[in-house]
Amino acid sequence: MIKHLIKNDKYSLELPALTLGTANIDRQDNDEVYFEILDKYKELGGTCIDTARVYCNWVEGGDGASEQVIGRWMQSRKNRNDTIICTKGGHPYFTEEEVISRLSEQDVLDDLGKSLEALQTDYTDIYMLHRDDTSIPVSEIMPYLDKLVKSGRVHILGASNWTAARIEEANAFAIDNGMTPFSVSQINYSLAHSSADILGDDTQVSMDMKEYSWYKKHNFPVMAFSPQAKGFFSKLASGQSATYQLESSYASTANLARLSRVKRLSEQTGHSPAVITLAYLSSQPFPISSVFAVSKLWQLEEDMTAQDIRFDEKTVAFLDNII
């Protein structure tokens, strides 16, 4: 599998091209099914599992299920030492009237403590702030994150849904003050153009040309969530119609043109549209790990065939519909 080194002054790890996302683990009574998927991911060469404290509190009975299932699985398989865990905290509360920030030191400490307890471990390999609050200066955030790294409870710091500008500001402050900077970023990124309007959530950050230029310039690692655009390419390439609002939202003129390119490349190479969209991200000029999710073993087996595929620049440009 393609791997990328991410590090700080104290810790380092090799991030795989394909990270297994677990935002769909939402039950406490389904370990047999979930364990089978987690086992198969490891069997096929996977090493990194992505979760979050907030998963899956949008489902009745699902609050904390993702981390707890992973914790039980690692205990059962005795594989904590060879599993990279990425979890996230500091997600805001959403009400009908407002977004309530949760990026105080105490909020994040509370989330991290609950995450480690659920995961049945005393550290997380990667810890990300799940959202940003630009009203809070980075001078208040980076010191408490640095303490988490120095304590050993967190190894690598990451920012989820932070703009490149804020990451640059935070890292400049951290480096100037002898603190641990962010080493990786998690944002919405796929072959399909996306935006806060499409996602219906203005607290999320999507890759655009401005963000892309920064990541390329700094060779900064990305963990791309929704790397297959919620199945947009796979579903429509197979002749199915969009059945969900989000799938329909992706159906812009530009994305439909890219869909046509995906179908043509699939016919030429034999790679499925799902694999092509993952390989597209692995072929970018900076390190990317695609955070993909599956519900069935056959989907996992198909997606994992992308772990060693890189396209040349001409093929990437073809998929981008610029040649």
Protein backbone atom coordinates (compact mmCIF):
# COMPACT_ATOMS: atom_id res chain seq x y z
CA MET A 1 0.00 0.00 0.00
CA ILE A 2 1.11 3.56 -0.71
CA LYS A 3 2.07 5.18 2.61
CA HIS A 4 2.96 8.69 3.72
CA LEU A 5 5.17 9.67 6.62
CA ILE A 6 3.61 12.17 9.01
CA LYS A 7 5.48 13.35 12.06
CA ASN A 8 6.32 15.94 14.66
CA ASP A 9 9.40 16.31 16.86
CA LYS A 10 8.31 13.44 19.13
CA TYR A 11 6.31 10.95 17.08
CA SER A 12 5.97 9.64 13.53
CA LEU A 13 3.77 7.17 11.68
CA GLU A 14 3.11 5.93 8.17
CA LEU A 15 -0.36 6.94 7.02
CA PRO A 16 -1.81 4.56 4.42
CA ALA A 17 -3.40 5.67 1.17
CA LEU A 18 -6.71 4.18 2.35
CA THR A 19 -8.06 4.81 5.85
CA LEU A 20 -11.20 3.00 6.98
CA GLY A 21 -13.87 5.47 8.07
CA THR A 22 -16.37 4.39 10.72
CA ALA A 23 -19.07 7.07 10.80
CA ASN A 24 -21.52 4.33 9.81
CA ILE A 25 -20.83 2.19 12.90
CA ASP A 26 -23.96 3.15 14.79
CA ARG A 27 -25.07 0.08 16.76
CA GLN A 28 -23.85 -1.61 19.92
CA ASP A 29 -25.42 -4.98 19.05
CA ASN A 30 -23.76 -5.60 15.70
CA ASP A 31 -20.16 -6.44 16.64
CA GLU A 32 -20.08 -9.59 14.50
CA VAL A 33 -20.74 -7.62 11.31
CA TYR A 34 -18.48 -4.70 12.22
CA PHE A 35 -15.64 -6.95 13.38
CA GLU A 36 -15.77 -8.83 10.06
CA ILE A 37 -15.26 -5.57 8.14
CA LEU A 38 -12.48 -4.38 10.46
CA ASP A 39 -10.76 -7.79 10.23
CA LYS A 40 -10.94 -7.78 6.43
CA TYR A 41 -9.52 -4.26 6.23
CA LYS A 42 -6.51 -5.37 8.28
CA GLU A 43 -6.19 -8.60 6.31
CA LEU A 44 -6.01 -6.62 3.06
CA GLY A 45 -3.20 -4.42 4.37
CA GLY A 46 -5.09 -1.59 6.04
CA THR A 47 -3.57 0.06 9.10
CA CYS A 48 -5.53 3.23 9.95
CA ILE A 49 -9.06 3.57 11.33
CA ASP A 50 -10.81 6.92 11.54
CA THR A 51 -13.50 7.73 14.11
CA ALA A 52 -14.74 10.61 16.27
CA ARG A 53 -16.33 11.30 19.64
CA VAL A 54 -19.45 12.65 17.93
CA TYR A 55 -20.03 9.44 15.91
CA CYS A 56 -22.90 8.40 15.77
CA ASN A 57 -24.98 10.63 18.03
CA TRP A 58 -27.39 11.44 15.20
CA VAL A 59 -28.82 7.90 15.47
CA GLU A 60 -30.92 6.77 18.42
CA GLY A 61 -28.68 4.59 20.57
CA GLY A 62 -25.68 5.31 18.36
CA ASP A 63 -23.90 7.86 20.54
CA GLY A 64 -20.31 6.65 21.04
CA ALA A 65 -20.90 3.38 19.19
CA SER A 66 -18.11 3.89 16.68
CA GLU A 67 -15.33 4.33 19.22
CA GLN A 68 -16.71 1.64 21.53
CA VAL A 69 -16.93 -0.97 18.76
CA ILE A 70 -13.36 -0.20 17.70
CA GLY A 71 -12.24 -0.47 21.31
CA ARG A 72 -13.86 -3.86 21.76
CA TRP A 73 -12.42 -5.03 18.44
CA MET A 74 -8.86 -4.02 19.36
CA GLN A 75 -9.20 -5.73 22.74
CA SER A 76 -10.55 -8.88 21.11
CA ARG A 77 -7.86 -8.98 18.43
CA LYS A 78 -4.98 -7.72 20.63
CA ASN A 79 -3.84 -5.49 17.77
CA ARG A 80 -3.65 -2.00 19.30
CA ASN A 81 0.09 -1.72 18.67
CA ASP A 82 -0.26 -2.25 14.91
CA THR A 83 -3.40 -0.18 14.42
CA ILE A 84 -3.32 3.56 13.79
CA ILE A 85 -6.27 5.25 15.47
CA CYS A 86 -7.43 8.70 14.39
CA THR A 87 -10.20 10.21 16.46
CA LYS A 88 -11.63 13.70 16.73
CA GLY A 89 -13.08 15.94 19.41
CA GLY A 90 -14.32 19.48 19.97
CA HIS A 91 -17.29 19.10 17.63
CA PRO A 92 -19.81 21.91 18.22
CA TYR A 93 -23.38 21.49 19.35
CA PHE A 94 -25.90 22.32 16.64
CA THR A 95 -29.25 23.82 17.61
CA GLU A 96 -31.93 25.27 15.36
CA GLU A 97 -30.80 28.76 16.28
CA GLU A 98 -27.01 28.53 16.51
CA VAL A 99 -23.78 26.58 16.44
CA ILE A 100 -22.36 26.29 19.96
CA SER A 101 -18.55 26.14 19.98
CA ARG A 102 -16.77 23.44 21.97
CA LEU A 103 -13.12 24.27 21.52
CA SER A 104 -12.29 25.27 25.08
CA GLU A 105 -9.51 23.31 26.73
CA GLN A 106 -11.99 21.63 29.07
CA ASP A 107 -14.31 20.64 26.21
CA VAL A 108 -11.47 18.99 24.34
CA LEU A 109 -10.05 17.32 27.46
CA ASP A 110 -13.49 15.90 28.24
CA ASP A 111 -13.88 14.58 24.69
CA LEU A 112 -10.41 13.06 24.61
CA GLY A 113 -10.94 11.33 27.95
CA LYS A 114 -14.21 9.80 26.78
CA SER A 115 -12.63 8.76 23.48
CA LEU A 116 -9.71 6.99 25.12
CA GLU A 117 -12.04 5.22 27.55
CA ALA A 118 -14.29 4.05 24.71
CA LEU A 119 -11.33 2.97 22.59
CA GLN A 120 -9.81 1.16 25.60
CA THR A 121 -6.43 2.73 25.03
CA ASP A 122 -4.24 5.29 26.77
CA TYR A 123 -3.32 7.23 23.62
CA THR A 124 -4.56 8.05 20.14
CA ASP A 125 -2.13 8.08 17.24
CA ILE A 126 -3.82 11.08 15.60
CA TYR A 127 -6.11 13.53 17.38
CA MET A 128 -8.03 16.14 15.44
CA LEU A 129 -10.12 19.11 16.38
CA HIS A 130 -13.31 18.25 14.54
CA ARG A 131 -14.28 21.81 13.65
CA ASP A 132 -12.81 25.30 13.93
CA ASP A 133 -14.05 28.42 15.67
CA THR A 134 -12.28 31.38 14.15
CA SER A 135 -13.39 33.63 16.99
CA ILE A 136 -10.92 31.77 19.24
CA PRO A 137 -7.32 32.80 18.58
CA VAL A 138 -4.84 30.04 17.83
CA SER A 139 -2.80 31.32 20.78
CA GLU A 140 -5.50 29.82 23.03
CA ILE A 141 -5.77 26.52 21.19
CA MET A 142 -2.24 25.40 20.41
CA PRO A 143 -0.88 25.50 23.99
CA TYR A 144 -3.40 22.98 25.32
CA LEU A 145 -2.95 20.75 22.26
CA ASP A 146 0.81 20.84 22.83
CA LYS A 147 0.26 19.66 26.40
CA LEU A 148 -1.70 16.67 25.12
CA VAL A 149 1.22 15.62 22.93
CA LYS A 150 3.75 16.12 25.72
CA SER A 151 1.56 14.00 28.00
CA GLY A 152 1.71 11.10 25.53
CA ARG A 153 -2.09 10.86 25.28
CA VAL A 154 -1.92 12.24 21.72
CA HIS A 155 0.89 11.53 19.27
CA ILE A 156 0.06 13.48 16.11
CA LEU A 157 -2.12 16.61 15.95
CA GLY A 158 -4.59 17.20 13.13
CA ALA A 159 -7.19 19.76 12.11
CA SER A 160 -10.52 18.65 10.67
CA ASN A 161 -12.50 21.21 8.66
CA TRP A 162 -10.01 23.99 9.22
CA THR A 163 -9.05 26.24 6.33
CA ALA A 164 -5.47 26.18 5.15
CA ALA A 165 -5.10 29.78 6.28
CA ARG A 166 -6.02 28.89 9.86
CA ILE A 167 -3.74 25.86 9.86
CA GLU A 168 -0.88 28.04 8.62
CA GLU A 169 -1.59 30.60 11.33
CA ALA A 170 -1.79 27.92 14.03
CA ASN A 171 1.40 26.22 12.92
CA ALA A 172 3.32 29.48 12.71
CA PHE A 173 2.29 30.26 16.30
CA ALA A 174 3.19 26.76 17.49
CA ILE A 175 6.61 26.73 15.83
CA ASP A 176 7.46 30.25 17.01
CA ASN A 177 6.64 29.20 20.57
CA GLY A 178 8.27 25.77 20.62
CA MET A 179 4.95 23.91 20.50
CA THR A 180 3.68 20.98 18.47
CA PRO A 181 2.09 22.01 15.14
CA PHE A 182 -0.62 20.28 13.18
CA SER A 183 0.81 17.52 10.98
CA VAL A 184 -2.28 16.52 8.98
CA SER A 185 -5.60 17.98 7.86
CA GLN A 186 -8.96 16.36 7.22
CA ILE A 187 -11.30 18.05 4.75
CA ASN A 188 -13.93 17.10 2.20
CA TYR A 189 -12.13 16.15 -1.00
CA SER A 190 -13.01 14.01 -3.99
CA LEU A 191 -13.00 14.12 -7.77
CA ALA A 192 -16.40 15.81 -7.54
CA HIS A 193 -16.54 19.53 -6.86
CA SER A 194 -18.13 20.18 -3.49
CA SER A 195 -18.89 23.13 -1.23
CA ALA A 196 -20.64 24.10 1.98
CA ASP A 197 -23.77 24.80 -0.09
CA ILE A 198 -23.78 21.27 -1.51
CA LEU A 199 -23.08 19.71 1.87
CA GLY A 200 -25.57 21.91 3.68
CA ASP A 201 -23.06 22.56 6.47
CA ASP A 202 -21.02 25.76 6.53
CA THR A 203 -18.79 24.39 9.29
CA GLN A 204 -17.26 21.93 6.82
CA VAL A 205 -14.33 22.79 4.57
CA SER A 206 -14.02 21.42 1.04
CA MET A 207 -11.02 21.37 -1.27
CA ASP A 208 -11.02 24.22 -3.78
CA MET A 209 -8.30 25.85 -5.88
CA LYS A 210 -7.15 28.14 -3.07
CA GLU A 211 -6.90 25.27 -0.59
CA TYR A 212 -5.33 22.99 -3.19
CA SER A 213 -2.59 25.50 -3.98
CA TRP A 214 -1.64 25.73 -0.32
CA TYR A 215 -1.52 21.97 0.21
CA LYS A 216 0.55 21.51 -2.92
CA LYS A 217 2.96 24.32 -2.02
CA HIS A 218 3.54 22.98 1.49
CA ASN A 219 3.27 19.26 0.64
CA PHE A 220 0.90 19.07 3.59
CA PRO A 221 -0.81 15.70 4.28
CA VAL A 222 -4.58 15.41 3.85
CA MET A 223 -7.05 12.83 5.09
CA ALA A 224 -9.86 13.24 2.55
CA PHE A 225 -13.34 12.46 3.82
CA SER A 226 -16.16 11.59 1.41
CA PRO A 227 -13.48 10.63 -1.16
CA GLN A 228 -16.05 8.89 -3.37
CA ALA A 229 -18.54 11.78 -3.24
CA LYS A 230 -21.08 9.68 -1.35
CA GLY A 231 -21.09 7.13 -4.16
CA PHE A 232 -22.04 9.70 -6.81
CA PHE A 233 -19.68 8.30 -9.47
CA SER A 234 -20.25 4.62 -8.73
CA LYS A 235 -24.00 4.88 -8.63
CA LEU A 236 -24.53 7.01 -11.71
CA ALA A 237 -21.86 5.15 -13.71
CA SER A 238 -23.81 1.93 -13.15
CA GLY A 239 -26.93 3.53 -14.61
CA GLN A 240 -28.71 4.15 -11.31
CA SER A 241 -30.32 7.49 -10.62
CA ALA A 242 -29.57 9.72 -7.67
CA THR A 243 -31.98 8.83 -4.89
CA TYR A 244 -30.73 11.09 -2.11
CA GLN A 245 -30.62 14.87 -1.96
CA LEU A 246 -26.83 14.92 -1.51
CA GLU A 247 -26.26 12.73 -4.56
CA SER A 248 -28.51 15.02 -6.57
CA SER A 249 -26.62 18.06 -5.30
CA TYR A 250 -23.41 16.69 -6.79
CA ALA A 251 -25.01 16.51 -10.25
CA SER A 252 -23.57 19.77 -11.57
CA THR A 253 -22.46 20.22 -15.17
CA ALA A 254 -18.79 19.96 -14.12
CA ASN A 255 -19.31 16.82 -12.05
CA LEU A 256 -21.37 15.13 -14.76
CA ALA A 257 -18.53 15.83 -17.21
CA ARG A 258 -16.11 14.17 -14.79
CA LEU A 259 -18.51 11.27 -14.43
CA SER A 260 -18.26 10.74 -18.18
CA ARG A 261 -14.46 10.64 -17.88
CA VAL A 262 -14.65 8.13 -15.01
CA LYS A 263 -16.83 5.85 -17.11
CA ARG A 264 -14.44 6.04 -20.05
CA LEU A 265 -11.40 5.31 -17.91
CA SER A 266 -13.24 2.44 -16.25
CA GLU A 267 -13.92 0.90 -19.65
CA GLN A 268 -10.27 1.34 -20.70
CA THR A 269 -8.63 0.02 -17.52
CA GLY A 270 -11.15 -2.36 -16.00
CA HIS A 271 -10.98 -0.46 -12.71
CA SER A 272 -14.36 0.24 -11.16
CA PRO A 273 -15.49 3.86 -10.74
CA ALA A 274 -15.06 3.45 -6.96
CA VAL A 275 -11.43 2.45 -7.40
CA ILE A 276 -10.75 5.22 -9.92
CA THR A 277 -11.98 7.92 -7.55
CA LEU A 278 -9.72 6.65 -4.76
CA ALA A 279 -6.70 6.30 -7.06
CA TYR A 280 -7.32 9.84 -8.33
CA LEU A 281 -6.70 11.18 -4.83
CA SER A 282 -3.61 9.01 -4.35
CA SER A 283 -2.23 10.56 -7.54
CA GLN A 284 -2.22 14.15 -6.29
CA PRO A 285 1.12 15.97 -5.77
CA PHE A 286 0.86 15.94 -1.96
CA PRO A 287 0.19 13.12 0.53
CA ILE A 288 -3.42 11.98 0.72
CA SER A 289 -5.15 9.24 2.66
CA SER A 290 -8.73 8.62 1.53
CA VAL A 291 -11.11 8.03 4.45
CA PHE A 292 -13.60 5.65 2.87
CA ALA A 293 -16.50 3.76 4.42
CA VAL A 294 -18.27 0.57 3.45
CA SER A 295 -21.22 -1.47 4.63
CA LYS A 296 -20.44 -4.69 2.77
CA LEU A 297 -17.35 -6.86 2.44
CA TRP A 298 -17.42 -6.81 -1.36
CA GLN A 299 -17.23 -3.01 -1.29
CA LEU A 300 -14.21 -3.17 0.99
CA GLU A 301 -12.46 -5.74 -1.18
CA GLU A 302 -13.10 -3.66 -4.28
CA ASP A 303 -11.97 -0.37 -2.73
CA MET A 304 -8.80 -1.86 -1.29
CA THR A 305 -7.57 -2.73 -4.77
CA ALA A 306 -6.89 1.01 -5.12
CA GLN A 307 -4.26 0.99 -2.39
CA ASP A 308 -1.31 0.66 -4.78
CA ILE A 309 -2.64 2.58 -7.80
CA ARG A 310 -1.25 5.94 -8.89
CA PHE A 311 -2.25 7.59 -12.14
CA ASP A 312 0.13 9.70 -14.20
CA GLU A 313 -0.42 13.46 -14.60
CA LYS A 314 -2.11 13.04 -17.97
CA THR A 315 -4.69 10.65 -16.52
CA VAL A 316 -5.37 12.97 -13.59
CA ALA A 317 -5.86 15.86 -16.00
CA PHE A 318 -8.21 13.68 -18.06
CA LEU A 319 -10.32 12.94 -14.98
CA ASP A 320 -10.32 16.62 -14.08
CA ASN A 321 -11.72 17.24 -17.55
CA ILE A 322 -9.01 19.73 -18.44
CA ILE A 323 -7.53 17.84 -21.44
